[in-house]
Structure formats: C-alpha cells, structure tokens
C-alpha cells in the first residue's frame, strides 16, 4: 500500500511559510502545490515551528506532505508529534484533505515508512 503515496518532508522554510500563512511561498519552497486545506492548519504549523526553534534537529520528524504518486497531488500530511522520547516512543499524527478522504488513505499514510516501527523504537502511537 505504501507505494501509493510518497512522503515529502516539510523542512524549515516550508514550515516557516506555512506558519506565516503564506501557502504560495510554502508550495514554492516545497517544490509542490500545497492544497488550500493546509492554510487552515496554522495551529499545527505554528506548533511545529515552535518545536523546531527549540529543537532544530526535530525538523525531519515533524511533518511531511502525503503525495499521491499517480497524480502528484498532496492528499494530506503526516508526521510525528516529536522525535522519540527517552523510552523510544513516538506518536504519529496524520490528516487527509477532506476531498481526498476515502477508505485506505489514512492506513497508507500511517503505515508508510518512515512512519512505521524503526530499530530502537519501542512504541508508535
């Protein structure tokens, strides 16, 4: 199933643009058109920026665009709430754009490497 989507890391410039409410600039920085739905997720992008500023190494853990391979369309976002804690636990968060919701898409986002278990992780929630 994971071959249906690819995950594109939303790096520092993209997160900063999203948190600032500049969807067009974020899309240019990401190299892909981001859906208007992302503009309504400002609370999440601001949270990620705050975490990124406190812990710069956490950027790759925070958020990825979920891109449907067959169309190149961003159908959601997925990532970790933060890097693994001292016990090796991580918590996954994901959202599918409302117009793209259908059986299986959440399962694909949540089960896609690197959002599955990795060596040394004890718990994924």
PDB file of N, CA and C in Angstrom:
ATOM      1  N   UNK A   1       0.805  -1.206   0.000  1.00  0.00           N
ATOM      2  CA  UNK A   1       0.000   0.000   0.000  1.00  0.00           C
ATOM      3  C   UNK A   1       0.845   1.265   0.000  1.00  0.00           C
ATOM      4  N   UNK A   2       2.022   1.238   0.677  1.00  0.00           N
ATOM      5  CA  UNK A   2       2.790   2.467   0.793  1.00  0.00           C
ATOM      6  C   UNK A   2       3.318   2.954  -0.544  1.00  0.00           C
ATOM      7  N   UNK A   3       3.311   2.119  -1.576  1.00  0.00           N
ATOM      8  CA  UNK A   3       3.730   2.558  -2.896  1.00  0.00           C
ATOM      9  C   UNK A   3       2.768   3.538  -3.537  1.00  0.00           C
ATOM     10  N   UNK A   4       1.586   3.702  -2.951  1.00  0.00           N
ATOM     11  CA  UNK A   4       0.571   4.605  -3.488  1.00  0.00           C
ATOM     12  C   UNK A   4       0.887   6.064  -3.202  1.00  0.00           C
ATOM     13  N   UNK A   5       1.663   6.320  -2.153  1.00  0.00           N
ATOM     14  CA  UNK A   5       1.998   7.687  -1.777  1.00  0.00           C
ATOM     15  C   UNK A   5       3.487   7.804  -1.518  1.00  0.00           C
ATOM     16  N   UNK A   6       3.949   9.048  -1.590  1.00  0.00           N
ATOM     17  CA  UNK A   6       5.305   9.342  -1.131  1.00  0.00           C
ATOM     18  C   UNK A   6       5.178  10.433  -0.092  1.00  0.00           C
ATOM     19  N   UNK A   7       6.140  10.484   0.801  1.00  0.00           N
ATOM     20  CA  UNK A   7       6.124  11.473   1.862  1.00  0.00           C
ATOM     21  C   UNK A   7       7.230  12.484   1.607  1.00  0.00           C
ATOM     22  N   UNK A   8       6.860  13.746   1.537  1.00  0.00           N
ATOM     23  CA  UNK A   8       7.779  14.841   1.267  1.00  0.00           C
ATOM     24  C   UNK A   8       7.975  15.628   2.558  1.00  0.00           C
ATOM     25  N   UNK A   9       9.207  15.625   3.087  1.00  0.00           N
ATOM     26  CA  UNK A   9       9.485  16.347   4.328  1.00  0.00           C
ATOM     27  C   UNK A   9       9.203  17.829   4.134  1.00  0.00           C
ATOM     28  N   UNK A  10       8.452  18.400   5.058  1.00  0.00           N
ATOM     29  CA  UNK A  10       8.208  19.832   5.078  1.00  0.00           C
ATOM     30  C   UNK A  10       9.295  20.429   5.971  1.00  0.00           C
ATOM     31  N   UNK A  11      10.329  20.967   5.332  1.00  0.00           N
ATOM     32  CA  UNK A  11      11.501  21.436   6.065  1.00  0.00           C
ATOM     33  C   UNK A  11      11.307  22.844   6.627  1.00  0.00           C
ATOM     34  N   UNK A  12      12.357  23.385   7.195  1.00  0.00           N
ATOM     35  CA  UNK A  12      12.290  24.671   7.903  1.00  0.00           C
ATOM     36  C   UNK A  12      11.640  25.790   7.084  1.00  0.00           C
ATOM     37  N   UNK A  13      12.112  26.067   5.835  1.00  0.00           N
ATOM     38  CA  UNK A  13      11.486  27.160   5.085  1.00  0.00           C
ATOM     39  C   UNK A  13       9.989  26.934   4.840  1.00  0.00           C
ATOM     40  N   UNK A  14       9.616  25.705   4.566  1.00  0.00           N
ATOM     41  CA  UNK A  14       8.203  25.395   4.301  1.00  0.00           C
ATOM     42  C   UNK A  14       7.375  25.618   5.564  1.00  0.00           C
ATOM     43  N   UNK A  15       7.848  25.111   6.694  1.00  0.00           N
ATOM     44  CA  UNK A  15       7.109  25.282   7.950  1.00  0.00           C
ATOM     45  C   UNK A  15       6.990  26.751   8.334  1.00  0.00           C
ATOM     46  N   UNK A  16       8.069  27.513   8.139  1.00  0.00           N
ATOM     47  CA  UNK A  16       8.011  28.944   8.455  1.00  0.00           C
ATOM     48  C   UNK A  16       6.980  29.661   7.585  1.00  0.00           C
ATOM     49  N   UNK A  17       6.962  29.333   6.286  1.00  0.00           N
ATOM     50  CA  UNK A  17       5.976  29.946   5.383  1.00  0.00           C
ATOM     51  C   UNK A  17       4.549  29.542   5.749  1.00  0.00           C
ATOM     52  N   UNK A  18       4.352  28.268   6.067  1.00  0.00           N
ATOM     53  CA  UNK A  18       3.011  27.815   6.447  1.00  0.00           C
ATOM     54  C   UNK A  18       2.551  28.501   7.728  1.00  0.00           C
ATOM     55  N   UNK A  19       3.444  28.594   8.705  1.00  0.00           N
ATOM     56  CA  UNK A  19       3.091  29.240   9.965  1.00  0.00           C
ATOM     57  C   UNK A  19       2.775  30.718   9.767  1.00  0.00           C
ATOM     58  N   UNK A  20       3.415  31.331   8.771  1.00  0.00           N
ATOM     59  CA  UNK A  20       3.159  32.750   8.462  1.00  0.00           C
ATOM     60  C   UNK A  20       1.905  32.927   7.614  1.00  0.00           C
ATOM     61  N   UNK A  21       1.284  31.817   7.216  1.00  0.00           N
ATOM     62  CA  UNK A  21       0.063  31.886   6.416  1.00  0.00           C
ATOM     63  C   UNK A  21       0.298  32.105   4.938  1.00  0.00           C
ATOM     64  N   UNK A  22       1.523  31.878   4.473  1.00  0.00           N
ATOM     65  CA  UNK A  22       1.852  32.097   3.059  1.00  0.00           C
ATOM     66  C   UNK A  22       1.922  30.756   2.328  1.00  0.00           C
ATOM     67  N   UNK A  23       0.768  30.260   1.929  1.00  0.00           N
ATOM     68  CA  UNK A  23       0.660  28.959   1.282  1.00  0.00           C
ATOM     69  C   UNK A  23       1.427  28.917  -0.037  1.00  0.00           C
ATOM     70  N   UNK A  24       1.371  29.990  -0.823  1.00  0.00           N
ATOM     71  CA  UNK A  24       2.070  30.021  -2.112  1.00  0.00           C
ATOM     72  C   UNK A  24       3.582  29.909  -1.910  1.00  0.00           C
ATOM     73  N   UNK A  25       4.133  30.671  -0.963  1.00  0.00           N
ATOM     74  CA  UNK A  25       5.571  30.609  -0.696  1.00  0.00           C
ATOM     75  C   UNK A  25       5.955  29.232  -0.162  1.00  0.00           C
ATOM     76  N   UNK A  26       5.112  28.656   0.687  1.00  0.00           N
ATOM     77  CA  UNK A  26       5.383  27.317   1.216  1.00  0.00           C
ATOM     78  C   UNK A  26       5.421  26.295   0.084  1.00  0.00           C
ATOM     79  N   UNK A  27       4.490  26.406  -0.854  1.00  0.00           N
ATOM     80  CA  UNK A  27       4.470  25.497  -2.001  1.00  0.00           C
ATOM     81  C   UNK A  27       5.717  25.642  -2.858  1.00  0.00           C
ATOM     82  N   UNK A  28       6.146  26.891  -3.075  1.00  0.00           N
ATOM     83  CA  UNK A  28       7.381  27.101  -3.848  1.00  0.00           C
ATOM     84  C   UNK A  28       8.580  26.493  -3.116  1.00  0.00           C
ATOM     85  N   UNK A  29       8.645  26.699  -1.803  1.00  0.00           N
ATOM     86  CA  UNK A  29       9.760  26.159  -1.020  1.00  0.00           C
ATOM     87  C   UNK A  29       9.750  24.634  -1.013  1.00  0.00           C
ATOM     88  N   UNK A  30       8.552  24.042  -1.019  1.00  0.00           N
ATOM     89  CA  UNK A  30       8.426  22.581  -1.017  1.00  0.00           C
ATOM     90  C   UNK A  30       8.600  21.994  -2.411  1.00  0.00           C
ATOM     91  N   UNK A  31       8.410  22.827  -3.433  1.00  0.00           N
ATOM     92  CA  UNK A  31       8.508  22.334  -4.801  1.00  0.00           C
ATOM     93  C   UNK A  31       7.275  21.581  -5.258  1.00  0.00           C
ATOM     94  N   UNK A  32       6.147  21.860  -4.618  1.00  0.00           N
ATOM     95  CA  UNK A  32       4.907  21.169  -4.957  1.00  0.00           C
ATOM     96  C   UNK A  32       3.733  22.054  -4.559  1.00  0.00           C
ATOM     97  N   UNK A  33       2.626  21.942  -5.271  1.00  0.00           N
ATOM     98  CA  UNK A  33       1.438  22.723  -4.917  1.00  0.00           C
ATOM     99  C   UNK A  33       0.795  22.130  -3.670  1.00  0.00           C
ATOM    100  N   UNK A  34       0.648  22.966  -2.664  1.00  0.00           N
ATOM    101  CA  UNK A  34       0.016  22.530  -1.424  1.00  0.00           C
ATOM    102  C   UNK A  34      -1.470  22.885  -1.480  1.00  0.00           C
ATOM    103  N   UNK A  35      -2.316  22.021  -0.944  1.00  0.00           N
ATOM    104  CA  UNK A  35      -3.757  22.271  -1.029  1.00  0.00           C
ATOM    105  C   UNK A  35      -4.195  23.418  -0.117  1.00  0.00           C
ATOM    106  N   UNK A  36      -5.240  24.139  -0.489  1.00  0.00           N
ATOM    107  CA  UNK A  36      -5.762  25.217   0.354  1.00  0.00           C
ATOM    108  C   UNK A  36      -6.066  24.758   1.781  1.00  0.00           C
ATOM    109  N   UNK A  37      -6.402  23.497   1.948  1.00  0.00           N
ATOM    110  CA  UNK A  37      -6.672  22.940   3.277  1.00  0.00           C
ATOM    111  C   UNK A  37      -5.513  23.215   4.242  1.00  0.00           C
ATOM    112  N   UNK A  38      -4.280  23.210   3.743  1.00  0.00           N
ATOM    113  CA  UNK A  38      -3.112  23.439   4.596  1.00  0.00           C
ATOM    114  C   UNK A  38      -3.163  24.826   5.242  1.00  0.00           C
ATOM    115  N   UNK A  39      -3.771  25.789   4.581  1.00  0.00           N
ATOM    116  CA  UNK A  39      -3.865  27.147   5.129  1.00  0.00           C
ATOM    117  C   UNK A  39      -4.695  27.163   6.413  1.00  0.00           C
ATOM    118  N   UNK A  40      -5.603  26.238   6.557  1.00  0.00           N
ATOM    119  CA  UNK A  40      -6.437  26.155   7.752  1.00  0.00           C
ATOM    120  C   UNK A  40      -5.802  25.398   8.900  1.00  0.00           C
ATOM    121  N   UNK A  41      -4.593  24.920   8.689  1.00  0.00           N
ATOM    122  CA  UNK A  41      -3.887  24.146   9.708  1.00  0.00           C
ATOM    123  C   UNK A  41      -2.816  24.987  10.403  1.00  0.00           C
ATOM    124  N   UNK A  42      -3.006  26.315  10.437  1.00  0.00           N
ATOM    125  CA  UNK A  42      -1.992  27.221  11.013  1.00  0.00           C
ATOM    126  C   UNK A  42      -1.591  26.842  12.432  1.00  0.00           C
ATOM    127  N   UNK A  43      -2.537  26.380  13.220  1.00  0.00           N
ATOM    128  CA  UNK A  43      -2.225  25.976  14.594  1.00  0.00           C
ATOM    129  C   UNK A  43      -1.128  24.910  14.598  1.00  0.00           C
ATOM    130  N   UNK A  44      -1.209  23.976  13.652  1.00  0.00           N
ATOM    131  CA  UNK A  44      -0.222  22.893  13.582  1.00  0.00           C
ATOM    132  C   UNK A  44       1.129  23.409  13.118  1.00  0.00           C
ATOM    133  N   UNK A  45       1.131  24.250  12.089  1.00  0.00           N
ATOM    134  CA  UNK A  45       2.408  24.754  11.569  1.00  0.00           C
ATOM    135  C   UNK A  45       3.103  25.618  12.620  1.00  0.00           C
ATOM    136  N   UNK A  46       2.335  26.425  13.367  1.00  0.00           N
ATOM    137  CA  UNK A  46       2.935  27.242  14.433  1.00  0.00           C
ATOM    138  C   UNK A  46       3.513  26.352  15.535  1.00  0.00           C
ATOM    139  N   UNK A  47       2.802  25.295  15.873  1.00  0.00           N
ATOM    140  CA  UNK A  47       3.294  24.340  16.864  1.00  0.00           C
ATOM    141  C   UNK A  47       4.602  23.721  16.394  1.00  0.00           C
ATOM    142  N   UNK A  48       4.648  23.304  15.128  1.00  0.00           N
ATOM    143  CA  UNK A  48       5.871  22.709  14.583  1.00  0.00           C
ATOM    144  C   UNK A  48       7.019  23.715  14.558  1.00  0.00           C
ATOM    145  N   UNK A  49       6.737  24.956  14.198  1.00  0.00           N
ATOM    146  CA  UNK A  49       7.785  25.983  14.190  1.00  0.00           C
ATOM    147  C   UNK A  49       8.317  26.188  15.604  1.00  0.00           C
ATOM    148  N   UNK A  50       7.444  26.270  16.587  1.00  0.00           N
ATOM    149  CA  UNK A  50       7.894  26.418  17.974  1.00  0.00           C
ATOM    150  C   UNK A  50       8.794  25.258  18.386  1.00  0.00           C
ATOM    151  N   UNK A  51       8.395  24.044  18.047  1.00  0.00           N
ATOM    152  CA  UNK A  51       9.212  22.866  18.383  1.00  0.00           C
ATOM    153  C   UNK A  51      10.531  22.895  17.627  1.00  0.00           C
ATOM    154  N   UNK A  52      10.483  23.274  16.357  1.00  0.00           N
ATOM    155  CA  UNK A  52      11.678  23.338  15.527  1.00  0.00           C
ATOM    156  C   UNK A  52      12.676  24.351  16.092  1.00  0.00           C
ATOM    157  N   UNK A  53      12.181  25.496  16.542  1.00  0.00           N
ATOM    158  CA  UNK A  53      13.065  26.526  17.077  1.00  0.00           C
ATOM    159  C   UNK A  53      13.700  26.093  18.391  1.00  0.00           C
ATOM    160  N   UNK A  54      12.956  25.360  19.213  1.00  0.00           N
ATOM    161  CA  UNK A  54      13.508  24.858  20.474  1.00  0.00           C
ATOM    162  C   UNK A  54      14.451  23.682  20.259  1.00  0.00           C
ATOM    163  N   UNK A  55      14.150  22.855  19.267  1.00  0.00           N
ATOM    164  CA  UNK A  55      14.911  21.629  18.996  1.00  0.00           C
ATOM    165  C   UNK A  55      15.131  21.509  17.491  1.00  0.00           C
ATOM    166  N   UNK A  56      16.136  22.215  16.933  1.00  0.00           N
ATOM    167  CA  UNK A  56      16.342  22.236  15.480  1.00  0.00           C
ATOM    168  C   UNK A  56      16.463  20.854  14.831  1.00  0.00           C
ATOM    169  N   UNK A  57      16.971  19.875  15.557  1.00  0.00           N
ATOM    170  CA  UNK A  57      17.122  18.529  14.986  1.00  0.00           C
ATOM    171  C   UNK A  57      15.783  17.824  14.786  1.00  0.00           C
ATOM    172  N   UNK A  58      14.705  18.405  15.315  1.00  0.00           N
ATOM    173  CA  UNK A  58      13.393  17.755  15.217  1.00  0.00           C
ATOM    174  C   UNK A  58      12.707  17.990  13.878  1.00  0.00           C
ATOM    175  N   UNK A  59      13.237  18.875  13.031  1.00  0.00           N
ATOM    176  CA  UNK A  59      12.544  19.257  11.789  1.00  0.00           C
ATOM    177  C   UNK A  59      12.124  18.050  10.965  1.00  0.00           C
ATOM    178  N   UNK A  60      13.004  17.110  10.722  1.00  0.00           N
ATOM    179  CA  UNK A  60      12.676  15.948   9.903  1.00  0.00           C
ATOM    180  C   UNK A  60      11.631  15.028  10.499  1.00  0.00           C
ATOM    181  N   UNK A  61      11.364  15.204  11.785  1.00  0.00           N
ATOM    182  CA  UNK A  61      10.373  14.373  12.463  1.00  0.00           C
ATOM    183  C   UNK A  61       8.973  14.966  12.394  1.00  0.00           C
ATOM    184  N   UNK A  62       8.862  16.250  12.143  1.00  0.00           N
ATOM    185  CA  UNK A  62       7.611  16.940  12.413  1.00  0.00           C
ATOM    186  C   UNK A  62       6.508  16.712  11.391  1.00  0.00           C
ATOM    187  N   UNK A  63       6.746  17.002  10.130  1.00  0.00           N
ATOM    188  CA  UNK A  63       5.635  16.911   9.189  1.00  0.00           C
ATOM    189  C   UNK A  63       6.116  16.621   7.778  1.00  0.00           C
ATOM    190  N   UNK A  64       5.293  15.872   7.067  1.00  0.00           N
ATOM    191  CA  UNK A  64       5.541  15.534   5.674  1.00  0.00           C
ATOM    192  C   UNK A  64       4.237  15.691   4.899  1.00  0.00           C
ATOM    193  N   UNK A  65       4.353  16.133   3.686  1.00  0.00           N
ATOM    194  CA  UNK A  65       3.187  16.137   2.804  1.00  0.00           C
ATOM    195  C   UNK A  65       2.991  14.712   2.297  1.00  0.00           C
ATOM    196  N   UNK A  66       1.759  14.253   2.280  1.00  0.00           N
ATOM    197  CA  UNK A  66       1.421  12.943   1.726  1.00  0.00           C
ATOM    198  C   UNK A  66       1.015  13.190   0.281  1.00  0.00           C
ATOM    199  N   UNK A  67       1.826  12.686  -0.656  1.00  0.00           N
ATOM    200  CA  UNK A  67       1.639  12.957  -2.080  1.00  0.00           C
ATOM    201  C   UNK A  67       1.234  11.668  -2.787  1.00  0.00           C
ATOM    202  N   UNK A  68       0.093  11.711  -3.458  1.00  0.00           N
ATOM    203  CA  UNK A  68      -0.358  10.559  -4.224  1.00  0.00           C
ATOM    204  C   UNK A  68       0.551  10.394  -5.433  1.00  0.00           C
ATOM    205  N   UNK A  69       1.187   9.228  -5.560  1.00  0.00           N
ATOM    206  CA  UNK A  69       2.158   9.004  -6.635  1.00  0.00           C
ATOM    207  C   UNK A  69       1.547   9.119  -8.022  1.00  0.00           C
ATOM    208  N   UNK A  70       0.352   8.605  -8.198  1.00  0.00           N
ATOM    209  CA  UNK A  70      -0.229   8.559  -9.540  1.00  0.00           C
ATOM    210  C   UNK A  70      -0.596   9.936 -10.084  1.00  0.00           C
ATOM    211  N   UNK A  71      -0.896  10.882  -9.190  1.00  0.00           N
ATOM    212  CA  UNK A  71      -1.344  12.195  -9.636  1.00  0.00           C
ATOM    213  C   UNK A  71      -0.397  13.334  -9.264  1.00  0.00           C
ATOM    214  N   UNK A  72       0.469  13.101  -8.274  1.00  0.00           N
ATOM    215  CA  UNK A  72       1.333  14.160  -7.766  1.00  0.00           C
ATOM    216  C   UNK A  72       0.597  15.148  -6.879  1.00  0.00           C
ATOM    217  N   UNK A  73      -0.638  14.823  -6.513  1.00  0.00           N
ATOM    218  CA  UNK A  73      -1.468  15.701  -5.690  1.00  0.00           C
ATOM    219  C   UNK A  73      -1.189  15.447  -4.208  1.00  0.00           C
ATOM    220  N   UNK A  74      -1.059  16.532  -3.443  1.00  0.00           N
ATOM    221  CA  UNK A  74      -0.910  16.414  -1.998  1.00  0.00           C
ATOM    222  C   UNK A  74      -2.281  16.104  -1.421  1.00  0.00           C
ATOM    223  N   UNK A  75      -2.390  14.943  -0.773  1.00  0.00           N
ATOM    224  CA  UNK A  75      -3.677  14.482  -0.252  1.00  0.00           C
ATOM    225  C   UNK A  75      -3.758  14.567   1.266  1.00  0.00           C
ATOM    226  N   UNK A  76      -2.689  15.050   1.903  1.00  0.00           N
ATOM    227  CA  UNK A  76      -2.716  15.181   3.355  1.00  0.00           C
ATOM    228  C   UNK A  76      -1.333  15.477   3.888  1.00  0.00           C
ATOM    229  N   UNK A  77      -1.207  15.359   5.199  1.00  0.00           N
ATOM    230  CA  UNK A  77       0.100  15.487   5.834  1.00  0.00           C
ATOM    231  C   UNK A  77       0.196  14.459   6.949  1.00  0.00           C
ATOM    232  N   UNK A  78       1.409  14.047   7.235  1.00  0.00           N
ATOM    233  CA  UNK A  78       1.654  13.037   8.261  1.00  0.00           C
ATOM    234  C   UNK A  78       3.006  13.326   8.892  1.00  0.00           C
ATOM    235  N   UNK A  79       3.158  12.911  10.110  1.00  0.00           N
ATOM    236  CA  UNK A  79       4.434  13.098  10.777  1.00  0.00           C
ATOM    237  C   UNK A  79       4.353  12.648  12.217  1.00  0.00           C
ATOM    238  N   UNK A  80       5.374  13.008  12.942  1.00  0.00           N
ATOM    239  CA  UNK A  80       5.439  12.680  14.351  1.00  0.00           C
ATOM    240  C   UNK A  80       5.154  13.926  15.159  1.00  0.00           C
ATOM    241  N   UNK A  81       4.590  13.740  16.326  1.00  0.00           N
ATOM    242  CA  UNK A  81       4.354  14.875  17.196  1.00  0.00           C
ATOM    243  C   UNK A  81       5.674  15.428  17.721  1.00  0.00           C
ATOM    244  N   UNK A  82       6.695  14.571  17.789  1.00  0.00           N
ATOM    245  CA  UNK A  82       8.030  14.982  18.206  1.00  0.00           C
ATOM    246  C   UNK A  82       8.961  13.806  17.966  1.00  0.00           C
ATOM    247  N   UNK A  83      10.258  14.035  18.122  1.00  0.00           N
ATOM    248  CA  UNK A  83      11.215  12.937  17.962  1.00  0.00           C
ATOM    249  C   UNK A  83      11.020  11.925  19.097  1.00  0.00           C
ATOM    250  N   UNK A  84      11.596  10.713  18.986  1.00  0.00           N
ATOM    251  CA  UNK A  84      11.384   9.698  20.032  1.00  0.00           C
ATOM    252  C   UNK A  84      11.829  10.201  21.403  1.00  0.00           C
ATOM    253  N   UNK A  85      11.056   9.819  22.423  1.00  0.00           N
ATOM    254  CA  UNK A  85      11.430  10.198  23.780  1.00  0.00           C
ATOM    255  C   UNK A  85      12.477   9.223  24.325  1.00  0.00           C
ATOM    256  N   UNK A  86      12.845   9.390  25.580  1.00  0.00           N
ATOM    257  CA  UNK A  86      13.889   8.568  26.198  1.00  0.00           C
ATOM    258  C   UNK A  86      13.530   7.092  26.220  1.00  0.00           C
ATOM    259  N   UNK A  87      12.234   6.785  26.192  1.00  0.00           N
ATOM    260  CA  UNK A  87      11.786   5.390  26.186  1.00  0.00           C
ATOM    261  C   UNK A  87      11.689   4.820  24.778  1.00  0.00           C
ATOM    262  N   UNK A  88      11.985   5.647  23.758  1.00  0.00           N
ATOM    263  CA  UNK A  88      11.900   5.183  22.377  1.00  0.00           C
ATOM    264  C   UNK A  88      10.495   5.221  21.812  1.00  0.00           C
ATOM    265  N   UNK A  89       9.609   6.024  22.399  1.00  0.00           N
ATOM    266  CA  UNK A  89       8.228   6.118  21.932  1.00  0.00           C
ATOM    267  C   UNK A  89       8.056   7.340  21.036  1.00  0.00           C
ATOM    268  N   UNK A  90       7.252   7.176  19.990  1.00  0.00           N
ATOM    269  CA  UNK A  90       6.880   8.275  19.106  1.00  0.00           C
ATOM    270  C   UNK A  90       5.372   8.231  18.910  1.00  0.00           C
ATOM    271  N   UNK A  91       4.800   9.390  18.633  1.00  0.00           N
ATOM    272  CA  UNK A  91       3.369   9.463  18.359  1.00  0.00           C
ATOM    273  C   UNK A  91       3.175  10.016  16.954  1.00  0.00           C
ATOM    274  N   UNK A  92       2.376   9.318  16.170  1.00  0.00           N
ATOM    275  CA  UNK A  92       2.124   9.690  14.787  1.00  0.00           C
ATOM    276  C   UNK A  92       0.855  10.537  14.711  1.00  0.00           C
ATOM    277  N   UNK A  93       0.913  11.556  13.873  1.00  0.00           N
ATOM    278  CA  UNK A  93      -0.280  12.328  13.557  1.00  0.00           C
ATOM    279  C   UNK A  93      -0.431  12.362  12.043  1.00  0.00           C
ATOM    280  N   UNK A  94      -1.641  12.349  11.548  1.00  0.00           N
ATOM    281  CA  UNK A  94      -1.867  12.427  10.103  1.00  0.00           C
ATOM    282  C   UNK A  94      -3.238  13.006   9.838  1.00  0.00           C
ATOM    283  N   UNK A  95      -3.352  13.640   8.702  1.00  0.00           N
ATOM    284  CA  UNK A  95      -4.614  14.216   8.260  1.00  0.00           C
ATOM    285  C   UNK A  95      -4.724  14.000   6.755  1.00  0.00           C
ATOM    286  N   UNK A  96      -5.890  13.619   6.311  1.00  0.00           N
ATOM    287  CA  UNK A  96      -6.170  13.512   4.886  1.00  0.00           C
ATOM    288  C   UNK A  96      -7.090  14.678   4.523  1.00  0.00           C
ATOM    289  N   UNK A  97      -6.747  15.386   3.442  1.00  0.00           N
ATOM    290  CA  UNK A  97      -7.548  16.505   2.972  1.00  0.00           C
ATOM    291  C   UNK A  97      -8.994  16.023   2.790  1.00  0.00           C
ATOM    292  N   UNK A  98      -9.985  16.769   3.314  1.00  0.00           N
ATOM    293  CA  UNK A  98     -11.377  16.295   3.262  1.00  0.00           C
ATOM    294  C   UNK A  98     -11.835  15.781   1.897  1.00  0.00           C
ATOM    295  N   UNK A  99     -11.520  16.451   0.816  1.00  0.00           N
ATOM    296  CA  UNK A  99     -11.956  16.000  -0.503  1.00  0.00           C
ATOM    297  C   UNK A  99     -11.266  14.739  -0.997  1.00  0.00           C
ATOM    298  N   UNK A 100     -10.220  14.314  -0.290  1.00  0.00           N
ATOM    299  CA  UNK A 100      -9.458  13.127  -0.676  1.00  0.00           C
ATOM    300  C   UNK A 100      -9.726  11.934   0.226  1.00  0.00           C
ATOM    301  N   UNK A 101     -10.582  12.118   1.205  1.00  0.00           N
ATOM    302  CA  UNK A 101     -10.822  11.045   2.172  1.00  0.00           C
ATOM    303  C   UNK A 101     -11.593   9.909   1.521  1.00  0.00           C
ATOM    304  N   UNK A 102     -11.031   8.726   1.681  1.00  0.00           N
ATOM    305  CA  UNK A 102     -11.659   7.508   1.202  1.00  0.00           C
ATOM    306  C   UNK A 102     -10.996   6.340   1.902  1.00  0.00           C
ATOM    307  N   UNK A 103     -11.627   5.189   1.912  1.00  0.00           N
ATOM    308  CA  UNK A 103     -11.056   4.047   2.623  1.00  0.00           C
ATOM    309  C   UNK A 103      -9.626   3.756   2.156  1.00  0.00           C
ATOM    310  N   UNK A 104      -8.739   3.602   3.123  1.00  0.00           N
ATOM    311  CA  UNK A 104      -7.367   3.209   2.833  1.00  0.00           C
ATOM    312  C   UNK A 104      -6.340   4.317   2.868  1.00  0.00           C
ATOM    313  N   UNK A 105      -6.723   5.560   2.639  1.00  0.00           N
ATOM    314  CA  UNK A 105      -5.712   6.627   2.585  1.00  0.00           C
ATOM    315  C   UNK A 105      -5.064   6.870   3.937  1.00  0.00           C
ATOM    316  N   UNK A 106      -5.814   6.839   5.011  1.00  0.00           N
ATOM    317  CA  UNK A 106      -5.213   7.020   6.328  1.00  0.00           C
ATOM    318  C   UNK A 106      -4.307   5.850   6.653  1.00  0.00           C
ATOM    319  N   UNK A 107      -4.726   4.666   6.298  1.00  0.00           N
ATOM    320  CA  UNK A 107      -3.909   3.483   6.538  1.00  0.00           C
ATOM    321  C   UNK A 107      -2.589   3.605   5.805  1.00  0.00           C
ATOM    322  N   UNK A 108      -2.616   4.112   4.583  1.00  0.00           N
ATOM    323  CA  UNK A 108      -1.401   4.286   3.799  1.00  0.00           C
ATOM    324  C   UNK A 108      -0.475   5.295   4.466  1.00  0.00           C
ATOM    325  N   UNK A 109      -0.998   6.439   4.863  1.00  0.00           N
ATOM    326  CA  UNK A 109      -0.176   7.474   5.488  1.00  0.00           C
ATOM    327  C   UNK A 109       0.439   6.977   6.786  1.00  0.00           C
ATOM    328  N   UNK A 110      -0.330   6.302   7.586  1.00  0.00           N
ATOM    329  CA  UNK A 110       0.125   5.882   8.905  1.00  0.00           C
ATOM    330  C   UNK A 110       1.109   4.719   8.812  1.00  0.00           C
ATOM    331  N   UNK A 111       1.003   3.876   7.813  1.00  0.00           N
ATOM    332  CA  UNK A 111       1.867   2.712   7.712  1.00  0.00           C
ATOM    333  C   UNK A 111       3.070   2.907   6.822  1.00  0.00           C
ATOM    334  N   UNK A 112       3.223   4.071   6.239  1.00  0.00           N
ATOM    335  CA  UNK A 112       4.287   4.342   5.284  1.00  0.00           C
ATOM    336  C   UNK A 112       5.631   4.506   5.981  1.00  0.00           C
ATOM    337  N   UNK A 113       6.660   3.801   5.520  1.00  0.00           N
ATOM    338  CA  UNK A 113       7.991   4.109   6.049  1.00  0.00           C
ATOM    339  C   UNK A 113       8.308   5.540   5.660  1.00  0.00           C
ATOM    340  N   UNK A 114       8.851   6.380   6.493  1.00  0.00           N
ATOM    341  CA  UNK A 114       9.399   6.086   7.820  1.00  0.00           C
ATOM    342  C   UNK A 114       8.414   6.292   8.942  1.00  0.00           C
ATOM    343  N   UNK A 115       7.131   6.126   8.714  1.00  0.00           N
ATOM    344  CA  UNK A 115       6.173   6.286   9.796  1.00  0.00           C
ATOM    345  C   UNK A 115       5.805   4.962  10.446  1.00  0.00           C
ATOM    346  N   UNK A 116       6.557   3.920  10.182  1.00  0.00           N
ATOM    347  CA  UNK A 116       6.352   2.632  10.834  1.00  0.00           C
ATOM    348  C   UNK A 116       7.420   2.441  11.891  1.00  0.00           C
ATOM    349  N   UNK A 117       7.477   1.261  12.478  1.00  0.00           N
ATOM    350  CA  UNK A 117       8.483   0.997  13.502  1.00  0.00           C
ATOM    351  C   UNK A 117       9.880   0.959  12.911  1.00  0.00           C
ATOM    352  N   UNK A 118      10.826   1.524  13.610  1.00  0.00           N
ATOM    353  CA  UNK A 118      12.235   1.512  13.236  1.00  0.00           C
ATOM    354  C   UNK A 118      13.017   0.858  14.349  1.00  0.00           C
ATOM    355  N   UNK A 119      14.218   0.411  14.036  1.00  0.00           N
ATOM    356  CA  UNK A 119      15.078  -0.198  15.043  1.00  0.00           C
ATOM    357  C   UNK A 119      15.239   0.749  16.224  1.00  0.00           C
ATOM    358  N   UNK A 120      15.065   0.246  17.411  1.00  0.00           N
ATOM    359  CA  UNK A 120      15.251   1.041  18.612  1.00  0.00           C
ATOM    360  C   UNK A 120      13.988   1.701  19.119  1.00  0.00           C
ATOM    361  N   UNK A 121      12.935   1.754  18.303  1.00  0.00           N
ATOM    362  CA  UNK A 121      11.691   2.350  18.778  1.00  0.00           C
ATOM    363  C   UNK A 121      10.912   1.259  19.500  1.00  0.00           C
ATOM    364  N   UNK A 122      10.317   1.627  20.576  1.00  0.00           N
ATOM    365  CA  UNK A 122       9.534   0.646  21.325  1.00  0.00           C
ATOM    366  C   UNK A 122       8.045   0.779  21.059  1.00  0.00           C
ATOM    367  N   UNK A 123       7.602   2.004  20.903  1.00  0.00           N
ATOM    368  CA  UNK A 123       6.162   2.235  20.787  1.00  0.00           C
ATOM    369  C   UNK A 123       5.890   3.296  19.732  1.00  0.00           C
ATOM    370  N   UNK A 124       4.931   3.022  18.862  1.00  0.00           N
ATOM    371  CA  UNK A 124       4.426   4.027  17.934  1.00  0.00           C
ATOM    372  C   UNK A 124       2.940   4.140  18.226  1.00  0.00           C
ATOM    373  N   UNK A 125       2.474   5.361  18.489  1.00  0.00           N
ATOM    374  CA  UNK A 125       1.064   5.529  18.822  1.00  0.00           C
ATOM    375  C   UNK A 125       0.408   6.548  17.953  1.00  0.00           C
TER     376      UNK A 125
END
